[in-house]
N, C-alpha and C. Protein backbone atom coordinates (compact mmCIF):
# COMPACT_ATOMS: atom_id res chain seq x y z
N MET A 1 0.85 -1.17 0.00
CA MET A 1 0.00 0.00 0.00
C MET A 1 0.90 1.23 0.00
N PRO A 2 0.74 2.14 -0.96
CA PRO A 2 1.59 3.33 -1.01
C PRO A 2 1.25 4.31 0.11
N GLU A 3 2.27 5.03 0.52
CA GLU A 3 2.06 6.05 1.54
C GLU A 3 1.45 7.29 0.89
N SER A 4 0.45 7.86 1.51
CA SER A 4 -0.13 9.09 0.96
C SER A 4 0.56 10.29 1.58
N GLY A 5 0.50 11.38 0.88
CA GLY A 5 1.13 12.59 1.38
C GLY A 5 0.66 13.81 0.60
N HIS A 6 1.34 14.90 0.81
CA HIS A 6 1.02 16.16 0.15
C HIS A 6 2.29 16.79 -0.38
N THR A 7 2.13 17.64 -1.37
CA THR A 7 3.24 18.42 -1.90
C THR A 7 2.78 19.86 -2.06
N TRP A 8 3.61 20.78 -1.59
CA TRP A 8 3.37 22.21 -1.75
C TRP A 8 4.58 22.83 -2.41
N ARG A 9 4.35 23.76 -3.35
CA ARG A 9 5.44 24.48 -4.01
C ARG A 9 5.12 25.97 -3.97
N LYS A 10 6.17 26.73 -3.79
CA LYS A 10 6.00 28.18 -3.82
C LYS A 10 7.31 28.83 -4.24
N ALA A 11 7.21 29.80 -5.12
CA ALA A 11 8.39 30.57 -5.53
C ALA A 11 8.51 31.81 -4.64
N PHE A 12 9.69 32.05 -4.17
CA PHE A 12 9.99 33.22 -3.35
C PHE A 12 11.01 34.08 -4.08
N LYS A 13 10.96 35.38 -3.85
CA LYS A 13 11.95 36.27 -4.43
C LYS A 13 13.31 35.95 -3.83
N GLY A 14 14.34 36.15 -4.59
CA GLY A 14 15.70 35.92 -4.11
C GLY A 14 16.19 37.09 -3.29
N GLU A 15 15.54 37.34 -2.17
CA GLU A 15 15.87 38.45 -1.27
C GLU A 15 15.96 37.92 0.16
N ALA A 16 16.88 38.45 0.92
CA ALA A 16 17.10 37.99 2.30
C ALA A 16 15.84 38.10 3.16
N ARG A 17 15.06 39.14 2.96
CA ARG A 17 13.87 39.33 3.80
C ARG A 17 12.82 38.24 3.57
N GLU A 18 12.91 37.52 2.46
CA GLU A 18 11.96 36.44 2.17
C GLU A 18 12.19 35.22 3.06
N ALA A 19 13.34 35.13 3.70
CA ALA A 19 13.64 33.98 4.56
C ALA A 19 12.59 33.83 5.66
N ALA A 20 12.13 34.93 6.21
CA ALA A 20 11.09 34.88 7.24
C ALA A 20 9.79 34.30 6.66
N HIS A 21 9.47 34.63 5.43
CA HIS A 21 8.27 34.11 4.78
C HIS A 21 8.42 32.60 4.53
N VAL A 22 9.62 32.17 4.18
CA VAL A 22 9.88 30.74 3.98
C VAL A 22 9.63 29.97 5.28
N ARG A 23 10.11 30.50 6.39
CA ARG A 23 9.91 29.83 7.68
C ARG A 23 8.42 29.77 8.04
N LEU A 24 7.70 30.87 7.84
CA LEU A 24 6.26 30.89 8.14
C LEU A 24 5.48 29.95 7.22
N TRP A 25 5.82 29.96 5.94
CA TRP A 25 5.15 29.09 4.98
C TRP A 25 5.36 27.63 5.35
N THR A 26 6.56 27.29 5.76
CA THR A 26 6.87 25.92 6.17
C THR A 26 6.10 25.54 7.43
N THR A 27 6.11 26.42 8.41
CA THR A 27 5.41 26.17 9.68
C THR A 27 3.92 25.95 9.45
N GLY A 28 3.34 26.65 8.48
CA GLY A 28 1.91 26.52 8.20
C GLY A 28 1.53 25.23 7.50
N ARG A 29 2.50 24.45 7.05
CA ARG A 29 2.21 23.24 6.29
C ARG A 29 2.67 21.95 6.94
N VAL A 30 3.74 21.99 7.69
CA VAL A 30 4.23 20.78 8.37
C VAL A 30 4.49 21.09 9.84
N THR A 31 4.37 20.08 10.67
CA THR A 31 4.48 20.30 12.12
C THR A 31 5.83 19.91 12.71
N HIS A 32 6.73 19.41 11.91
CA HIS A 32 8.04 19.01 12.43
C HIS A 32 8.75 20.25 12.99
N PRO A 33 9.24 20.20 14.23
CA PRO A 33 9.84 21.40 14.84
C PRO A 33 11.10 21.91 14.14
N ASP A 34 11.82 21.03 13.43
CA ASP A 34 13.04 21.45 12.75
C ASP A 34 12.81 21.90 11.31
N ALA A 35 11.63 21.67 10.77
CA ALA A 35 11.37 21.98 9.36
C ALA A 35 11.59 23.45 9.01
N PRO A 36 11.12 24.42 9.79
CA PRO A 36 11.36 25.82 9.43
C PRO A 36 12.85 26.18 9.40
N THR A 37 13.62 25.64 10.32
CA THR A 37 15.06 25.91 10.36
C THR A 37 15.76 25.31 9.15
N VAL A 38 15.42 24.09 8.83
CA VAL A 38 16.03 23.43 7.67
C VAL A 38 15.64 24.16 6.39
N ALA A 39 14.36 24.50 6.24
CA ALA A 39 13.91 25.23 5.05
C ALA A 39 14.65 26.56 4.93
N ASN A 40 14.84 27.23 6.04
CA ASN A 40 15.56 28.51 6.05
C ASN A 40 16.99 28.33 5.53
N GLU A 41 17.69 27.33 6.03
CA GLU A 41 19.08 27.11 5.62
C GLU A 41 19.19 26.70 4.15
N LEU A 42 18.24 25.89 3.68
CA LEU A 42 18.25 25.52 2.26
C LEU A 42 17.98 26.76 1.39
N TYR A 43 17.02 27.57 1.81
CA TYR A 43 16.72 28.81 1.08
C TYR A 43 17.96 29.71 1.03
N LEU A 44 18.63 29.86 2.16
CA LEU A 44 19.82 30.72 2.21
C LEU A 44 20.95 30.19 1.33
N SER A 45 21.05 28.87 1.19
CA SER A 45 22.06 28.28 0.30
C SER A 45 21.84 28.74 -1.13
N ILE A 46 20.61 28.70 -1.58
CA ILE A 46 20.29 29.12 -2.95
C ILE A 46 20.39 30.64 -3.08
N LEU A 47 19.96 31.34 -2.06
CA LEU A 47 20.05 32.80 -2.07
C LEU A 47 21.50 33.25 -2.24
N GLY A 48 22.42 32.57 -1.60
CA GLY A 48 23.83 32.90 -1.69
C GLY A 48 24.41 32.75 -3.08
N SER A 49 23.74 31.99 -3.94
CA SER A 49 24.21 31.81 -5.31
C SER A 49 23.80 32.98 -6.21
N GLY A 50 22.99 33.90 -5.67
CA GLY A 50 22.54 35.05 -6.46
C GLY A 50 21.28 34.80 -7.25
N ALA A 51 20.55 33.76 -6.94
CA ALA A 51 19.31 33.43 -7.67
C ALA A 51 18.27 34.53 -7.50
N PRO A 52 17.64 34.97 -8.58
CA PRO A 52 16.60 36.01 -8.49
C PRO A 52 15.29 35.47 -7.92
N ALA A 53 15.08 34.16 -8.01
CA ALA A 53 13.89 33.51 -7.45
C ALA A 53 14.29 32.12 -6.97
N ILE A 54 13.62 31.68 -5.92
CA ILE A 54 13.93 30.38 -5.32
C ILE A 54 12.62 29.63 -5.14
N GLU A 55 12.55 28.44 -5.71
CA GLU A 55 11.35 27.63 -5.55
C GLU A 55 11.53 26.67 -4.38
N MET A 56 10.63 26.75 -3.45
CA MET A 56 10.63 25.87 -2.29
C MET A 56 9.57 24.80 -2.49
N THR A 57 9.90 23.57 -2.13
CA THR A 57 8.95 22.46 -2.21
C THR A 57 8.97 21.70 -0.89
N LEU A 58 7.78 21.43 -0.38
CA LEU A 58 7.60 20.58 0.80
C LEU A 58 6.80 19.37 0.34
N SER A 59 7.29 18.18 0.62
CA SER A 59 6.58 16.95 0.28
C SER A 59 6.54 16.06 1.50
N THR A 60 5.36 15.51 1.77
CA THR A 60 5.22 14.59 2.89
C THR A 60 4.81 13.21 2.37
N ALA A 61 5.25 12.20 3.06
CA ALA A 61 4.85 10.82 2.79
C ALA A 61 5.00 10.06 4.09
N GLY A 62 3.90 9.62 4.64
CA GLY A 62 3.96 8.95 5.93
C GLY A 62 4.56 9.86 6.98
N THR A 63 5.65 9.43 7.60
CA THR A 63 6.30 10.23 8.64
C THR A 63 7.45 11.07 8.11
N ARG A 64 7.67 11.04 6.79
CA ARG A 64 8.80 11.75 6.19
C ARG A 64 8.38 13.09 5.59
N ILE A 65 9.30 14.04 5.66
CA ILE A 65 9.12 15.36 5.06
C ILE A 65 10.37 15.66 4.25
N ARG A 66 10.20 15.94 2.97
CA ARG A 66 11.33 16.34 2.13
C ARG A 66 11.16 17.82 1.81
N ILE A 67 12.22 18.58 2.06
CA ILE A 67 12.25 20.02 1.80
C ILE A 67 13.29 20.26 0.72
N THR A 68 12.91 20.98 -0.33
CA THR A 68 13.82 21.26 -1.43
C THR A 68 13.79 22.75 -1.74
N ALA A 69 14.96 23.31 -2.02
CA ALA A 69 15.10 24.70 -2.48
C ALA A 69 15.86 24.64 -3.80
N GLU A 70 15.31 25.30 -4.84
CA GLU A 70 15.95 25.28 -6.15
C GLU A 70 16.02 26.66 -6.76
N GLY A 71 17.09 26.90 -7.46
CA GLY A 71 17.28 28.13 -8.22
C GLY A 71 17.43 27.81 -9.69
N PRO A 72 17.67 28.83 -10.51
CA PRO A 72 17.74 28.60 -11.96
C PRO A 72 19.09 28.09 -12.47
N ASP A 73 20.14 28.21 -11.67
CA ASP A 73 21.49 27.87 -12.14
C ASP A 73 22.13 26.77 -11.31
N GLN A 74 23.16 26.15 -11.89
CA GLN A 74 23.94 25.15 -11.17
C GLN A 74 24.60 25.80 -9.95
N LEU A 75 24.67 25.05 -8.88
CA LEU A 75 25.29 25.55 -7.65
C LEU A 75 26.77 25.19 -7.60
N THR A 76 27.54 26.04 -6.97
CA THR A 76 28.94 25.73 -6.70
C THR A 76 29.00 24.93 -5.41
N VAL A 77 30.13 24.36 -5.11
CA VAL A 77 30.30 23.60 -3.86
C VAL A 77 30.03 24.50 -2.65
N LEU A 78 30.46 25.74 -2.72
CA LEU A 78 30.23 26.67 -1.61
C LEU A 78 28.75 26.83 -1.31
N HIS A 79 27.91 26.91 -2.33
CA HIS A 79 26.49 27.12 -2.12
C HIS A 79 25.72 25.83 -1.84
N SER A 80 26.26 24.72 -2.30
CA SER A 80 25.56 23.47 -2.04
C SER A 80 25.99 22.83 -0.72
N HIS A 81 27.13 23.23 -0.17
CA HIS A 81 27.59 22.68 1.10
C HIS A 81 28.33 23.73 1.91
N GLY A 82 27.75 24.91 1.99
CA GLY A 82 28.37 26.02 2.71
C GLY A 82 28.17 25.92 4.21
N PRO A 83 28.34 27.02 4.91
CA PRO A 83 28.29 27.03 6.38
C PRO A 83 26.99 26.50 6.98
N GLY A 84 25.85 26.79 6.36
CA GLY A 84 24.57 26.33 6.89
C GLY A 84 24.35 24.84 6.74
N TRP A 85 25.23 24.19 5.97
CA TRP A 85 25.05 22.77 5.73
C TRP A 85 25.22 21.96 7.00
N ARG A 86 26.01 22.43 7.95
CA ARG A 86 26.16 21.72 9.23
C ARG A 86 24.83 21.65 9.97
N ILE A 87 24.06 22.73 9.88
CA ILE A 87 22.73 22.76 10.52
C ILE A 87 21.82 21.76 9.83
N VAL A 88 21.77 21.82 8.50
CA VAL A 88 20.93 20.91 7.72
C VAL A 88 21.32 19.46 8.00
N ASP A 89 22.59 19.18 7.96
CA ASP A 89 23.09 17.82 8.19
C ASP A 89 22.75 17.33 9.59
N GLY A 90 22.83 18.21 10.57
CA GLY A 90 22.55 17.82 11.94
C GLY A 90 21.08 17.59 12.24
N LEU A 91 20.19 18.25 11.50
CA LEU A 91 18.76 18.15 11.78
C LEU A 91 18.02 17.18 10.86
N SER A 92 18.65 16.76 9.78
CA SER A 92 17.96 15.89 8.83
C SER A 92 18.56 14.48 8.87
N ILE A 93 17.81 13.53 8.32
CA ILE A 93 18.32 12.16 8.26
C ILE A 93 19.10 11.91 6.97
N GLN A 94 18.82 12.72 5.94
CA GLN A 94 19.57 12.69 4.69
C GLN A 94 19.47 14.07 4.07
N SER A 95 20.45 14.41 3.24
CA SER A 95 20.41 15.68 2.53
C SER A 95 21.35 15.58 1.34
N GLY A 96 21.17 16.49 0.41
CA GLY A 96 22.04 16.44 -0.75
C GLY A 96 21.71 17.48 -1.79
N LEU A 97 22.30 17.30 -2.94
CA LEU A 97 22.15 18.17 -4.09
C LEU A 97 21.13 17.52 -5.03
N THR A 98 20.25 18.32 -5.64
CA THR A 98 19.30 17.76 -6.59
C THR A 98 20.05 17.19 -7.80
N THR A 99 19.43 16.30 -8.52
CA THR A 99 20.11 15.63 -9.64
C THR A 99 20.55 16.59 -10.74
N ASP A 100 19.85 17.69 -10.91
CA ASP A 100 20.24 18.67 -11.93
C ASP A 100 21.26 19.68 -11.41
N GLY A 101 21.59 19.61 -10.11
CA GLY A 101 22.60 20.50 -9.53
C GLY A 101 22.14 21.91 -9.27
N ARG A 102 20.82 22.18 -9.42
CA ARG A 102 20.30 23.53 -9.21
C ARG A 102 19.67 23.72 -7.83
N GLY A 103 19.67 22.69 -7.02
CA GLY A 103 19.01 22.82 -5.73
C GLY A 103 19.59 21.91 -4.67
N VAL A 104 19.10 22.10 -3.46
CA VAL A 104 19.50 21.29 -2.31
C VAL A 104 18.23 20.77 -1.63
N TRP A 105 18.36 19.63 -0.97
CA TRP A 105 17.21 19.03 -0.32
C TRP A 105 17.61 18.40 1.01
N ALA A 106 16.61 18.18 1.85
CA ALA A 106 16.82 17.51 3.13
C ALA A 106 15.59 16.68 3.44
N LEU A 107 15.81 15.56 4.10
CA LEU A 107 14.74 14.66 4.50
C LEU A 107 14.67 14.62 6.02
N LEU A 108 13.48 14.88 6.53
CA LEU A 108 13.25 14.85 7.98
C LEU A 108 12.30 13.68 8.29
N GLU A 109 12.41 13.16 9.48
CA GLU A 109 11.57 12.06 9.92
C GLU A 109 10.87 12.49 11.20
N ALA A 110 9.55 12.30 11.26
CA ALA A 110 8.79 12.64 12.47
C ALA A 110 9.30 11.79 13.63
N GLY A 111 9.38 12.39 14.78
CA GLY A 111 9.83 11.67 15.96
C GLY A 111 11.34 11.59 16.11
N ARG A 112 12.05 12.26 15.22
CA ARG A 112 13.52 12.26 15.34
C ARG A 112 14.00 13.62 15.73
């Protein structure tokens, strides 16, 4: 039996002040206490690359939450694994670069 879930997508302007909106948007959709922090760090990774717009995606399946931030261009190592990556790595069960190299993602598990 497949796990059911939801997916939400929203494009945010590539501006630092949008980070607060990303955290609120995340909080309004998932209840994991670390999700807003992880979403914020992923957003900031893409923001640091100079992206004019950043698409955020939240996907749930069972007890898992996948958060993705994507921009229009390929990321450098600095932006895909910069200073905020320690936070993402510490709060998620898995994380990485999207297959096209334009985004970063993290997987959270309820109860962890």
